[in-house]
PDB file of N, CA and C in Angstrom:
ATOM      1  N   UNK A   1     -12.862 136.781  55.853  1.00  0.00           N
ATOM      2  CA  UNK A   1     -14.243 136.457  56.884  1.00  0.00           C
ATOM      3  C   UNK A   1     -14.514 135.593  56.621  1.00  0.00           C
ATOM      4  N   UNK A   2     -14.979 134.633  57.551  1.00  0.00           N
ATOM      5  CA  UNK A   2     -15.345 133.052  57.481  1.00  0.00           C
ATOM      6  C   UNK A   2     -16.859 133.120  56.971  1.00  0.00           C
ATOM      7  N   UNK A   3     -16.949 131.988  57.052  1.00  0.00           N
ATOM      8  CA  UNK A   3     -18.349 131.513  56.291  1.00  0.00           C
ATOM      9  C   UNK A   3     -19.392 131.853  57.417  1.00  0.00           C
ATOM     10  N   UNK A   4     -19.256 131.573  58.631  1.00  0.00           N
ATOM     11  CA  UNK A   4     -19.913 131.900  59.704  1.00  0.00           C
ATOM     12  C   UNK A   4     -20.003 133.531  60.007  1.00  0.00           C
ATOM     13  N   UNK A   5     -19.335 134.321  59.667  1.00  0.00           N
ATOM     14  CA  UNK A   5     -19.085 135.726  59.674  1.00  0.00           C
ATOM     15  C   UNK A   5     -20.073 135.825  58.850  1.00  0.00           C
ATOM     16  N   UNK A   6     -19.967 135.800  57.843  1.00  0.00           N
ATOM     17  CA  UNK A   6     -20.928 136.144  56.784  1.00  0.00           C
ATOM     18  C   UNK A   6     -22.241 135.962  56.773  1.00  0.00           C
ATOM     19  N   UNK A   7     -22.598 134.651  57.702  1.00  0.00           N
ATOM     20  CA  UNK A   7     -23.858 134.415  57.783  1.00  0.00           C
ATOM     21  C   UNK A   7     -24.564 135.423  59.047  1.00  0.00           C
ATOM     22  N   UNK A   8     -23.639 135.777  60.018  1.00  0.00           N
ATOM     23  CA  UNK A   8     -24.188 136.540  61.042  1.00  0.00           C
ATOM     24  C   UNK A   8     -24.464 137.778  60.671  1.00  0.00           C
ATOM     25  N   UNK A   9     -23.327 138.393  59.410  1.00  0.00           N
ATOM     26  CA  UNK A   9     -23.692 139.643  58.926  1.00  0.00           C
ATOM     27  C   UNK A   9     -25.326 139.484  57.984  1.00  0.00           C
ATOM     28  N   UNK A  10     -25.404 138.454  57.198  1.00  0.00           N
ATOM     29  CA  UNK A  10     -26.566 138.308  56.641  1.00  0.00           C
ATOM     30  C   UNK A  10     -27.758 138.278  57.645  1.00  0.00           C
ATOM     31  N   UNK A  11     -27.649 138.033  58.397  1.00  0.00           N
ATOM     32  CA  UNK A  11     -28.887 137.800  59.648  1.00  0.00           C
ATOM     33  C   UNK A  11     -28.918 138.965  60.175  1.00  0.00           C
ATOM     34  N   UNK A  12     -28.094 140.086  60.335  1.00  0.00           N
ATOM     35  CA  UNK A  12     -28.540 141.354  60.732  1.00  0.00           C
ATOM     36  C   UNK A  12     -28.885 142.414  59.801  1.00  0.00           C
ATOM     37  N   UNK A  13     -28.982 142.108  58.490  1.00  0.00           N
ATOM     38  CA  UNK A  13     -29.368 142.927  57.727  1.00  0.00           C
ATOM     39  C   UNK A  13     -30.756 143.249  58.034  1.00  0.00           C
ATOM     40  N   UNK A  14     -31.640 144.191  57.666  1.00  0.00           N
ATOM     41  CA  UNK A  14     -32.829 144.597  58.162  1.00  0.00           C
ATOM     42  C   UNK A  14     -33.826 144.008  56.923  1.00  0.00           C
ATOM     43  N   UNK A  15     -35.089 143.840  57.533  1.00  0.00           N
ATOM     44  CA  UNK A  15     -36.137 143.296  56.592  1.00  0.00           C
ATOM     45  C   UNK A  15     -36.561 144.467  55.053  1.00  0.00           C
ATOM     46  N   UNK A  16     -36.024 145.617  55.559  1.00  0.00           N
ATOM     47  CA  UNK A  16     -36.140 146.309  54.307  1.00  0.00           C
ATOM     48  C   UNK A  16     -35.477 146.214  53.160  1.00  0.00           C
ATOM     49  N   UNK A  17     -34.510 145.839  53.599  1.00  0.00           N
ATOM     50  CA  UNK A  17     -32.908 145.760  52.368  1.00  0.00           C
ATOM     51  C   UNK A  17     -33.261 144.263  51.753  1.00  0.00           C
ATOM     52  N   UNK A  18     -34.021 143.463  52.437  1.00  0.00           N
ATOM     53  CA  UNK A  18     -34.445 141.835  51.609  1.00  0.00           C
ATOM     54  C   UNK A  18     -35.183 142.299  50.696  1.00  0.00           C
ATOM     55  N   UNK A  19     -34.634 141.620  49.325  1.00  0.00           N
ATOM     56  CA  UNK A  19     -35.499 141.551  48.414  1.00  0.00           C
ATOM     57  C   UNK A  19     -36.917 140.682  48.256  1.00  0.00           C
ATOM     58  N   UNK A  20     -37.852 141.156  47.622  1.00  0.00           N
ATOM     59  CA  UNK A  20     -39.234 140.050  47.891  1.00  0.00           C
ATOM     60  C   UNK A  20     -40.662 141.102  48.379  1.00  0.00           C
ATOM     61  N   UNK A  21     -41.479 140.610  48.599  1.00  0.00           N
ATOM     62  CA  UNK A  21     -42.538 141.143  48.663  1.00  0.00           C
ATOM     63  C   UNK A  21     -42.815 141.844  50.112  1.00  0.00           C
ATOM     64  N   UNK A  22     -43.040 142.571  50.566  1.00  0.00           N
ATOM     65  CA  UNK A  22     -43.377 143.337  51.792  1.00  0.00           C
ATOM     66  C   UNK A  22     -44.845 143.282  52.156  1.00  0.00           C
ATOM     67  N   UNK A  23     -44.890 143.291  53.397  1.00  0.00           N
ATOM     68  CA  UNK A  23     -46.224 143.030  54.098  1.00  0.00           C
ATOM     69  C   UNK A  23     -46.849 144.338  54.152  1.00  0.00           C
ATOM     70  N   UNK A  24     -48.092 144.598  53.931  1.00  0.00           N
ATOM     71  CA  UNK A  24     -49.075 146.170  54.420  1.00  0.00           C
ATOM     72  C   UNK A  24     -48.816 146.410  55.675  1.00  0.00           C
ATOM     73  N   UNK A  25     -48.517 145.796  56.771  1.00  0.00           N
ATOM     74  CA  UNK A  25     -48.538 146.216  58.114  1.00  0.00           C
ATOM     75  C   UNK A  25     -46.820 146.547  58.257  1.00  0.00           C
ATOM     76  N   UNK A  26     -45.731 145.867  57.477  1.00  0.00           N
ATOM     77  CA  UNK A  26     -44.691 146.726  57.970  1.00  0.00           C
ATOM     78  C   UNK A  26     -44.740 148.001  57.269  1.00  0.00           C
ATOM     79  N   UNK A  27     -45.145 148.247  56.398  1.00  0.00           N
ATOM     80  CA  UNK A  27     -45.815 149.814  55.551  1.00  0.00           C
ATOM     81  C   UNK A  27     -46.167 150.971  56.553  1.00  0.00           C
ATOM     82  N   UNK A  28     -47.306 150.082  57.140  1.00  0.00           N
ATOM     83  CA  UNK A  28     -47.841 150.508  57.994  1.00  0.00           C
ATOM     84  C   UNK A  28     -47.516 151.196  59.527  1.00  0.00           C
ATOM     85  N   UNK A  29     -46.317 150.556  59.935  1.00  0.00           N
ATOM     86  CA  UNK A  29     -45.908 150.657  60.892  1.00  0.00           C
ATOM     87  C   UNK A  29     -44.617 151.893  60.593  1.00  0.00           C
ATOM     88  N   UNK A  30     -44.026 151.574  59.521  1.00  0.00           N
ATOM     89  CA  UNK A  30     -43.096 152.569  58.914  1.00  0.00           C
ATOM     90  C   UNK A  30     -43.749 153.734  59.149  1.00  0.00           C
ATOM     91  N   UNK A  31     -44.543 154.111  58.411  1.00  0.00           N
ATOM     92  CA  UNK A  31     -45.292 155.387  58.175  1.00  0.00           C
ATOM     93  C   UNK A  31     -45.626 156.129  59.609  1.00  0.00           C
ATOM     94  N   UNK A  32     -46.166 155.043  60.564  1.00  0.00           N
ATOM     95  CA  UNK A  32     -46.740 155.399  61.796  1.00  0.00           C
ATOM     96  C   UNK A  32     -45.237 156.029  62.015  1.00  0.00           C
ATOM     97  N   UNK A  33     -44.149 155.831  62.793  1.00  0.00           N
ATOM     98  CA  UNK A  33     -43.276 155.776  63.151  1.00  0.00           C
ATOM     99  C   UNK A  33     -42.324 157.165  62.456  1.00  0.00           C
ATOM    100  N   UNK A  34     -42.445 157.103  61.093  1.00  0.00           N
ATOM    101  CA  UNK A  34     -41.928 158.516  60.347  1.00  0.00           C
ATOM    102  C   UNK A  34     -42.915 159.624  60.907  1.00  0.00           C
ATOM    103  N   UNK A  35     -43.960 159.215  60.762  1.00  0.00           N
ATOM    104  CA  UNK A  35     -44.981 160.690  61.057  1.00  0.00           C
ATOM    105  C   UNK A  35     -44.851 160.934  62.500  1.00  0.00           C
ATOM    106  N   UNK A  36     -44.791 159.925  63.224  1.00  0.00           N
ATOM    107  CA  UNK A  36     -44.502 160.348  64.788  1.00  0.00           C
ATOM    108  C   UNK A  36     -42.868 161.186  65.176  1.00  0.00           C
ATOM    109  N   UNK A  37     -42.012 160.600  64.393  1.00  0.00           N
ATOM    110  CA  UNK A  37     -40.769 161.170  64.541  1.00  0.00           C
ATOM    111  C   UNK A  37     -40.908 162.832  63.753  1.00  0.00           C
ATOM    112  N   UNK A  38     -41.278 162.778  62.554  1.00  0.00           N
ATOM    113  CA  UNK A  38     -41.687 164.194  62.079  1.00  0.00           C
ATOM    114  C   UNK A  38     -42.291 165.161  62.823  1.00  0.00           C
ATOM    115  N   UNK A  39     -43.375 164.492  63.456  1.00  0.00           N
ATOM    116  CA  UNK A  39     -43.814 165.410  64.272  1.00  0.00           C
ATOM    117  C   UNK A  39     -43.420 165.939  65.896  1.00  0.00           C
ATOM    118  N   UNK A  40     -42.770 164.799  66.301  1.00  0.00           N
ATOM    119  CA  UNK A  40     -41.788 165.215  67.385  1.00  0.00           C
ATOM    120  C   UNK A  40     -40.649 166.433  67.176  1.00  0.00           C
ATOM    121  N   UNK A  41     -40.064 166.366  65.708  1.00  0.00           N
ATOM    122  CA  UNK A  41     -38.819 167.236  65.480  1.00  0.00           C
ATOM    123  C   UNK A  41     -39.591 168.476  65.285  1.00  0.00           C
ATOM    124  N   UNK A  42     -40.612 168.656  64.873  1.00  0.00           N
ATOM    125  CA  UNK A  42     -41.675 169.985  64.358  1.00  0.00           C
ATOM    126  C   UNK A  42     -41.938 170.367  65.677  1.00  0.00           C
ATOM    127  N   UNK A  43     -42.327 169.861  66.883  1.00  0.00           N
ATOM    128  CA  UNK A  43     -42.523 170.232  68.108  1.00  0.00           C
ATOM    129  C   UNK A  43     -41.664 170.744  68.785  1.00  0.00           C
ATOM    130  N   UNK A  44     -40.104 170.172  68.847  1.00  0.00           N
ATOM    131  CA  UNK A  44     -39.244 170.533  69.452  1.00  0.00           C
ATOM    132  C   UNK A  44     -38.973 172.054  68.511  1.00  0.00           C
ATOM    133  N   UNK A  45     -38.791 171.890  67.426  1.00  0.00           N
ATOM    134  CA  UNK A  45     -38.236 173.099  66.279  1.00  0.00           C
ATOM    135  C   UNK A  45     -39.449 174.447  66.583  1.00  0.00           C
ATOM    136  N   UNK A  46     -40.461 174.142  66.610  1.00  0.00           N
ATOM    137  CA  UNK A  46     -41.382 175.121  67.158  1.00  0.00           C
ATOM    138  C   UNK A  46     -41.087 175.753  68.807  1.00  0.00           C
ATOM    139  N   UNK A  47     -40.651 174.908  69.593  1.00  0.00           N
ATOM    140  CA  UNK A  47     -40.612 175.027  70.878  1.00  0.00           C
ATOM    141  C   UNK A  47     -38.820 176.279  71.051  1.00  0.00           C
ATOM    142  N   UNK A  48     -38.045 175.858  70.348  1.00  0.00           N
ATOM    143  CA  UNK A  48     -36.905 176.413  70.216  1.00  0.00           C
ATOM    144  C   UNK A  48     -36.862 177.634  69.285  1.00  0.00           C
ATOM    145  N   UNK A  49     -37.932 177.633  68.491  1.00  0.00           N
ATOM    146  CA  UNK A  49     -37.856 179.067  67.522  1.00  0.00           C
ATOM    147  C   UNK A  49     -38.678 180.148  68.837  1.00  0.00           C
ATOM    148  N   UNK A  50     -39.357 179.309  69.078  1.00  0.00           N
ATOM    149  CA  UNK A  50     -40.315 180.679  70.485  1.00  0.00           C
ATOM    150  C   UNK A  50     -39.484 180.784  71.144  1.00  0.00           C
ATOM    151  N   UNK A  51     -38.081 180.009  72.188  1.00  0.00           N
ATOM    152  CA  UNK A  51     -37.696 180.132  73.223  1.00  0.00           C
ATOM    153  C   UNK A  51     -36.119 180.815  72.867  1.00  0.00           C
ATOM    154  N   UNK A  52     -35.790 179.766  72.444  1.00  0.00           N
ATOM    155  CA  UNK A  52     -34.191 180.277  72.216  1.00  0.00           C
ATOM    156  C   UNK A  52     -33.861 181.101  71.291  1.00  0.00           C
ATOM    157  N   UNK A  53     -34.739 181.131  70.064  1.00  0.00           N
ATOM    158  CA  UNK A  53     -34.169 181.745  69.191  1.00  0.00           C
ATOM    159  C   UNK A  53     -33.954 183.519  69.324  1.00  0.00           C
ATOM    160  N   UNK A  54     -35.256 184.038  70.036  1.00  0.00           N
ATOM    161  CA  UNK A  54     -34.901 185.147  70.472  1.00  0.00           C
ATOM    162  C   UNK A  54     -33.894 186.072  71.383  1.00  0.00           C
ATOM    163  N   UNK A  55     -33.733 184.845  72.458  1.00  0.00           N
ATOM    164  CA  UNK A  55     -32.457 185.113  73.554  1.00  0.00           C
ATOM    165  C   UNK A  55     -31.290 185.189  72.641  1.00  0.00           C
ATOM    166  N   UNK A  56     -31.215 184.080  71.448  1.00  0.00           N
ATOM    167  CA  UNK A  56     -30.341 184.484  70.650  1.00  0.00           C
ATOM    168  C   UNK A  56     -29.804 185.481  70.310  1.00  0.00           C
ATOM    169  N   UNK A  57     -30.917 186.118  69.444  1.00  0.00           N
ATOM    170  CA  UNK A  57     -30.962 187.250  68.370  1.00  0.00           C
ATOM    171  C   UNK A  57     -30.693 188.461  69.512  1.00  0.00           C
ATOM    172  N   UNK A  58     -31.355 188.681  70.742  1.00  0.00           N
ATOM    173  CA  UNK A  58     -30.965 189.378  71.862  1.00  0.00           C
ATOM    174  C   UNK A  58     -29.556 189.340  72.146  1.00  0.00           C
ATOM    175  N   UNK A  59     -28.973 188.513  72.422  1.00  0.00           N
ATOM    176  CA  UNK A  59     -27.470 188.108  73.026  1.00  0.00           C
ATOM    177  C   UNK A  59     -26.618 189.093  71.673  1.00  0.00           C
ATOM    178  N   UNK A  60     -27.275 188.437  70.574  1.00  0.00           N
ATOM    179  CA  UNK A  60     -25.871 188.871  69.485  1.00  0.00           C
ATOM    180  C   UNK A  60     -26.000 190.359  69.269  1.00  0.00           C
ATOM    181  N   UNK A  61     -27.135 191.118  69.235  1.00  0.00           N
ATOM    182  CA  UNK A  61     -27.419 192.440  69.168  1.00  0.00           C
ATOM    183  C   UNK A  61     -26.099 193.216  70.559  1.00  0.00           C
ATOM    184  N   UNK A  62     -26.611 192.471  71.379  1.00  0.00           N
ATOM    185  CA  UNK A  62     -25.784 192.942  72.865  1.00  0.00           C
ATOM    186  C   UNK A  62     -24.308 192.964  72.486  1.00  0.00           C
ATOM    187  N   UNK A  63     -23.939 191.940  71.861  1.00  0.00           N
ATOM    188  CA  UNK A  63     -22.276 191.548  71.966  1.00  0.00           C
ATOM    189  C   UNK A  63     -21.973 192.663  70.600  1.00  0.00           C
ATOM    190  N   UNK A  64     -22.585 192.664  69.611  1.00  0.00           N
ATOM    191  CA  UNK A  64     -22.655 193.879  68.404  1.00  0.00           C
ATOM    192  C   UNK A  64     -22.544 195.101  69.038  1.00  0.00           C
ATOM    193  N   UNK A  65     -23.580 195.594  69.661  1.00  0.00           N
ATOM    194  CA  UNK A  65     -23.770 196.823  70.347  1.00  0.00           C
ATOM    195  C   UNK A  65     -22.622 197.420  71.268  1.00  0.00           C
ATOM    196  N   UNK A  66     -22.012 196.173  71.842  1.00  0.00           N
ATOM    197  CA  UNK A  66     -20.829 196.700  72.801  1.00  0.00           C
ATOM    198  C   UNK A  66     -19.625 196.673  71.962  1.00  0.00           C
ATOM    199  N   UNK A  67     -19.377 195.694  70.789  1.00  0.00           N
ATOM    200  CA  UNK A  67     -18.099 195.823  70.154  1.00  0.00           C
ATOM    201  C   UNK A  67     -18.125 196.818  69.613  1.00  0.00           C
ATOM    202  N   UNK A  68     -19.519 197.755  68.735  1.00  0.00           N
ATOM    203  CA  UNK A  68     -19.563 198.898  68.164  1.00  0.00           C
ATOM    204  C   UNK A  68     -19.137 199.972  68.949  1.00  0.00           C
ATOM    205  N   UNK A  69     -19.697 200.040  70.424  1.00  0.00           N
ATOM    206  CA  UNK A  69     -19.350 201.407  71.432  1.00  0.00           C
ATOM    207  C   UNK A  69     -17.656 201.201  71.486  1.00  0.00           C
ATOM    208  N   UNK A  70     -17.351 200.172  71.789  1.00  0.00           N
ATOM    209  CA  UNK A  70     -15.837 200.012  71.901  1.00  0.00           C
ATOM    210  C   UNK A  70     -14.704 200.598  71.069  1.00  0.00           C
ATOM    211  N   UNK A  71     -15.382 200.086  69.763  1.00  0.00           N
ATOM    212  CA  UNK A  71     -14.652 200.806  68.710  1.00  0.00           C
ATOM    213  C   UNK A  71     -15.133 202.528  68.529  1.00  0.00           C
ATOM    214  N   UNK A  72     -16.360 203.143  68.333  1.00  0.00           N
ATOM    215  CA  UNK A  72     -16.511 204.278  68.762  1.00  0.00           C
ATOM    216  C   UNK A  72     -15.762 204.917  69.530  1.00  0.00           C
ATOM    217  N   UNK A  73     -15.649 204.660  70.898  1.00  0.00           N
ATOM    218  CA  UNK A  73     -14.915 205.115  72.223  1.00  0.00           C
ATOM    219  C   UNK A  73     -13.408 205.115  71.982  1.00  0.00           C
ATOM    220  N   UNK A  74     -12.806 204.308  71.145  1.00  0.00           N
ATOM    221  CA  UNK A  74     -11.779 204.186  70.761  1.00  0.00           C
ATOM    222  C   UNK A  74     -11.511 205.384  69.592  1.00  0.00           C
ATOM    223  N   UNK A  75     -11.974 205.262  68.508  1.00  0.00           N
ATOM    224  CA  UNK A  75     -11.987 206.112  67.629  1.00  0.00           C
ATOM    225  C   UNK A  75     -12.229 207.883  68.337  1.00  0.00           C
ATOM    226  N   UNK A  76     -13.406 208.289  68.730  1.00  0.00           N
ATOM    227  CA  UNK A  76     -12.774 209.561  69.561  1.00  0.00           C
ATOM    228  C   UNK A  76     -11.700 209.649  70.469  1.00  0.00           C
ATOM    229  N   UNK A  77     -10.980 208.522  71.407  1.00  0.00           N
ATOM    230  CA  UNK A  77     -10.040 208.988  71.715  1.00  0.00           C
ATOM    231  C   UNK A  77      -9.086 209.189  70.982  1.00  0.00           C
ATOM    232  N   UNK A  78      -8.700 208.392  70.310  1.00  0.00           N
ATOM    233  CA  UNK A  78      -7.728 208.529  69.184  1.00  0.00           C
ATOM    234  C   UNK A  78      -7.678 209.959  68.183  1.00  0.00           C
ATOM    235  N   UNK A  79      -9.175 210.185  68.016  1.00  0.00           N
ATOM    236  CA  UNK A  79      -9.437 211.580  66.808  1.00  0.00           C
ATOM    237  C   UNK A  79      -8.723 212.774  68.364  1.00  0.00           C
ATOM    238  N   UNK A  80      -9.020 212.476  69.546  1.00  0.00           N
ATOM    239  CA  UNK A  80      -8.612 213.675  70.415  1.00  0.00           C
ATOM    240  C   UNK A  80      -7.148 213.907  70.539  1.00  0.00           C
ATOM    241  N   UNK A  81      -6.439 212.537  70.649  1.00  0.00           N
ATOM    242  CA  UNK A  81      -4.938 212.925  70.599  1.00  0.00           C
ATOM    243  C   UNK A  81      -4.314 213.075  69.463  1.00  0.00           C
ATOM    244  N   UNK A  82      -5.383 212.922  68.260  1.00  0.00           N
ATOM    245  CA  UNK A  82      -4.707 213.406  66.961  1.00  0.00           C
ATOM    246  C   UNK A  82      -4.709 214.713  66.813  1.00  0.00           C
ATOM    247  N   UNK A  83      -6.015 215.219  67.202  1.00  0.00           N
ATOM    248  CA  UNK A  83      -5.983 216.811  67.285  1.00  0.00           C
ATOM    249  C   UNK A  83      -5.181 217.683  67.836  1.00  0.00           C
ATOM    250  N   UNK A  84      -5.060 217.229  69.272  1.00  0.00           N
ATOM    251  CA  UNK A  84      -3.803 217.994  70.058  1.00  0.00           C
ATOM    252  C   UNK A  84      -2.377 217.868  69.445  1.00  0.00           C
ATOM    253  N   UNK A  85      -1.939 216.866  69.140  1.00  0.00           N
ATOM    254  CA  UNK A  85      -0.555 216.654  68.298  1.00  0.00           C
ATOM    255  C   UNK A  85      -0.983 217.562  67.356  1.00  0.00           C
ATOM    256  N   UNK A  86      -1.793 217.553  66.501  1.00  0.00           N
ATOM    257  CA  UNK A  86      -1.798 218.522  65.298  1.00  0.00           C
ATOM    258  C   UNK A  86      -1.857 219.772  65.783  1.00  0.00           C
ATOM    259  N   UNK A  87      -2.833 220.228  66.681  1.00  0.00           N
ATOM    260  CA  UNK A  87      -2.375 221.747  67.201  1.00  0.00           C
ATOM    261  C   UNK A  87      -1.426 222.069  67.896  1.00  0.00           C
ATOM    262  N   UNK A  88      -0.485 220.886  68.520  1.00  0.00           N
ATOM    263  CA  UNK A  88       0.685 221.082  69.116  1.00  0.00           C
ATOM    264  C   UNK A  88       1.531 221.327  68.260  1.00  0.00           C
ATOM    265  N   UNK A  89       1.558 220.870  66.926  1.00  0.00           N
ATOM    266  CA  UNK A  89       2.514 221.115  65.617  1.00  0.00           C
ATOM    267  C   UNK A  89       2.399 222.290  64.979  1.00  0.00           C
ATOM    268  N   UNK A  90       0.799 222.880  64.926  1.00  0.00           N
ATOM    269  CA  UNK A  90       0.526 223.671  64.103  1.00  0.00           C
ATOM    270  C   UNK A  90       1.078 224.725  64.666  1.00  0.00           C
ATOM    271  N   UNK A  91      -0.034 225.275  66.221  1.00  0.00           N
ATOM    272  CA  UNK A  91       0.414 226.201  66.709  1.00  0.00           C
ATOM    273  C   UNK A  91       1.548 226.587  67.424  1.00  0.00           C
ATOM    274  N   UNK A  92       1.988 228.096  67.191  1.00  0.00           N
ATOM    275  CA  UNK A  92       3.608 228.452  67.593  1.00  0.00           C
ATOM    276  C   UNK A  92       3.176 228.123  69.447  1.00  0.00           C
ATOM    277  N   UNK A  93       4.297 227.808  69.824  1.00  0.00           N
ATOM    278  CA  UNK A  93       4.407 227.733  71.230  1.00  0.00           C
ATOM    279  C   UNK A  93       4.740 226.133  72.055  1.00  0.00           C
ATOM    280  N   UNK A  94       4.357 226.245  73.127  1.00  0.00           N
ATOM    281  CA  UNK A  94       4.833 224.950  73.792  1.00  0.00           C
ATOM    282  C   UNK A  94       3.224 224.423  73.662  1.00  0.00           C
ATOM    283  N   UNK A  95       3.219 223.177  74.296  1.00  0.00           N
ATOM    284  CA  UNK A  95       1.780 222.411  74.133  1.00  0.00           C
ATOM    285  C   UNK A  95       0.680 223.068  75.234  1.00  0.00           C
ATOM    286  N   UNK A  96       1.216 224.385  75.744  1.00  0.00           N
ATOM    287  CA  UNK A  96      -0.182 224.864  76.758  1.00  0.00           C
ATOM    288  C   UNK A  96      -0.599 225.808  75.640  1.00  0.00           C
ATOM    289  N   UNK A  97      -0.177 225.890  74.788  1.00  0.00           N
ATOM    290  CA  UNK A  97      -1.044 226.552  73.260  1.00  0.00           C
ATOM    291  C   UNK A  97      -2.429 226.023  72.968  1.00  0.00           C
ATOM    292  N   UNK A  98      -1.767 224.347  72.540  1.00  0.00           N
ATOM    293  CA  UNK A  98      -2.737 223.323  72.565  1.00  0.00           C
ATOM    294  C   UNK A  98      -3.985 223.286  73.359  1.00  0.00           C
ATOM    295  N   UNK A  99      -3.644 222.860  74.508  1.00  0.00           N
ATOM    296  CA  UNK A  99      -4.122 222.686  76.053  1.00  0.00           C
ATOM    297  C   UNK A  99      -5.453 223.884  76.122  1.00  0.00           C
ATOM    298  N   UNK A 100      -5.003 225.331  75.880  1.00  0.00           N
ATOM    299  CA  UNK A 100      -5.418 226.526  76.161  1.00  0.00           C
ATOM    300  C   UNK A 100      -6.826 226.226  74.703  1.00  0.00           C
ATOM    301  N   UNK A 101      -6.285 225.819  73.695  1.00  0.00           N
ATOM    302  CA  UNK A 101      -7.396 225.783  72.693  1.00  0.00           C
ATOM    303  C   UNK A 101      -8.144 225.138  72.535  1.00  0.00           C
ATOM    304  N   UNK A 102      -8.196 223.808  72.810  1.00  0.00           N
ATOM    305  CA  UNK A 102      -8.629 222.573  73.049  1.00  0.00           C
ATOM    306  C   UNK A 102      -9.838 222.941  74.434  1.00  0.00           C
ATOM    307  N   UNK A 103      -8.822 223.188  75.380  1.00  0.00           N
ATOM    308  CA  UNK A 103     -10.030 223.547  76.779  1.00  0.00           C
ATOM    309  C   UNK A 103     -11.035 224.285  76.419  1.00  0.00           C
ATOM    310  N   UNK A 104     -10.508 225.842  75.865  1.00  0.00           N
ATOM    311  CA  UNK A 104     -11.564 226.692  75.397  1.00  0.00           C
ATOM    312  C   UNK A 104     -13.021 226.162  74.411  1.00  0.00           C
ATOM    313  N   UNK A 105     -12.741 225.315  73.306  1.00  0.00           N
ATOM    314  CA  UNK A 105     -13.441 224.564  72.528  1.00  0.00           C
ATOM    315  C   UNK A 105     -14.171 223.551  73.157  1.00  0.00           C
ATOM    316  N   UNK A 106     -13.991 223.022  74.446  1.00  0.00           N
ATOM    317  CA  UNK A 106     -14.565 222.200  75.204  1.00  0.00           C
ATOM    318  C   UNK A 106     -15.604 222.825  76.101  1.00  0.00           C
ATOM    319  N   UNK A 107     -15.165 223.955  76.561  1.00  0.00           N
ATOM    320  CA  UNK A 107     -15.500 224.544  77.561  1.00  0.00           C
ATOM    321  C   UNK A 107     -16.882 225.307  77.167  1.00  0.00           C
ATOM    322  N   UNK A 108     -16.799 225.690  75.358  1.00  0.00           N
ATOM    323  CA  UNK A 108     -17.718 226.731  74.753  1.00  0.00           C
ATOM    324  C   UNK A 108     -18.843 225.648  74.277  1.00  0.00           C
ATOM    325  N   UNK A 109     -18.222 224.275  73.977  1.00  0.00           N
ATOM    326  CA  UNK A 109     -19.202 223.072  73.615  1.00  0.00           C
ATOM    327  C   UNK A 109     -19.955 223.111  74.640  1.00  0.00           C
ATOM    328  N   UNK A 110     -19.539 222.579  75.953  1.00  0.00           N
ATOM    329  CA  UNK A 110     -20.104 222.341  77.113  1.00  0.00           C
ATOM    330  C   UNK A 110     -21.273 223.176  77.706  1.00  0.00           C
ATOM    331  N   UNK A 111     -20.825 224.612  77.603  1.00  0.00           N
ATOM    332  CA  UNK A 111     -21.897 225.976  77.732  1.00  0.00           C
ATOM    333  C   UNK A 111     -23.033 225.863  76.939  1.00  0.00           C
ATOM    334  N   UNK A 112     -22.531 225.469  75.632  1.00  0.00           N
ATOM    335  CA  UNK A 112     -23.578 225.381  74.832  1.00  0.00           C
ATOM    336  C   UNK A 112     -24.560 224.280  75.107  1.00  0.00           C
ATOM    337  N   UNK A 113     -24.410 223.160  75.299  1.00  0.00           N
ATOM    338  CA  UNK A 113     -25.073 221.562  75.635  1.00  0.00           C
ATOM    339  C   UNK A 113     -25.793 222.124  77.112  1.00  0.00           C
ATOM    340  N   UNK A 114     -25.335 222.831  77.923  1.00  0.00           N
ATOM    341  CA  UNK A 114     -25.767 223.361  78.957  1.00  0.00           C
ATOM    342  C   UNK A 114     -27.016 224.305  79.210  1.00  0.00           C
ATOM    343  N   UNK A 115     -26.699 224.974  78.256  1.00  0.00           N
ATOM    344  CA  UNK A 115     -27.969 225.907  77.950  1.00  0.00           C
ATOM    345  C   UNK A 115     -29.082 225.797  77.179  1.00  0.00           C
ATOM    346  N   UNK A 116     -28.598 224.480  76.529  1.00  0.00           N
ATOM    347  CA  UNK A 116     -29.970 223.563  75.539  1.00  0.00           C
ATOM    348  C   UNK A 116     -30.761 222.555  76.621  1.00  0.00           C
ATOM    349  N   UNK A 117     -30.060 222.367  77.715  1.00  0.00           N
ATOM    350  CA  UNK A 117     -30.451 220.831  78.277  1.00  0.00           C
ATOM    351  C   UNK A 117     -32.132 221.557  78.593  1.00  0.00           C
ATOM    352  N   UNK A 118     -33.018 220.599  78.624  1.00  0.00           N
ATOM    353  CA  UNK A 118     -34.396 220.576  79.439  1.00  0.00           C
ATOM    354  C   UNK A 118     -34.558 220.511  80.717  1.00  0.00           C
ATOM    355  N   UNK A 119     -35.195 221.100  81.800  1.00  0.00           N
ATOM    356  CA  UNK A 119     -35.628 220.607  82.969  1.00  0.00           C
ATOM    357  C   UNK A 119     -36.152 219.504  83.242  1.00  0.00           C
TER     358      UNK A 119
END
């Protein structure tokens, strides 16, 4: 780096990093700017907390709810398939006996739920 380059770098150094006494006006202007920026950041944070945060929480709950419903639905389907295969192996006869048993169980469950409905 040349001597003129060093001088230009030294000229770009802010007043805060220079040693020596600082004037009270510098401290006052820095405090004013800092408090203004802090107030602006706090205002933006309050607006974000009041508007964006509830929407994000609702969207997160909706996504997790859909994911849980998909998992429960898949588990019920797989449990039904597993129950049918188990009955097909355990009950003698072909697969019609498993269909008959599961069909009657579901009809009985449907009849029970139908009788307990409220108008």
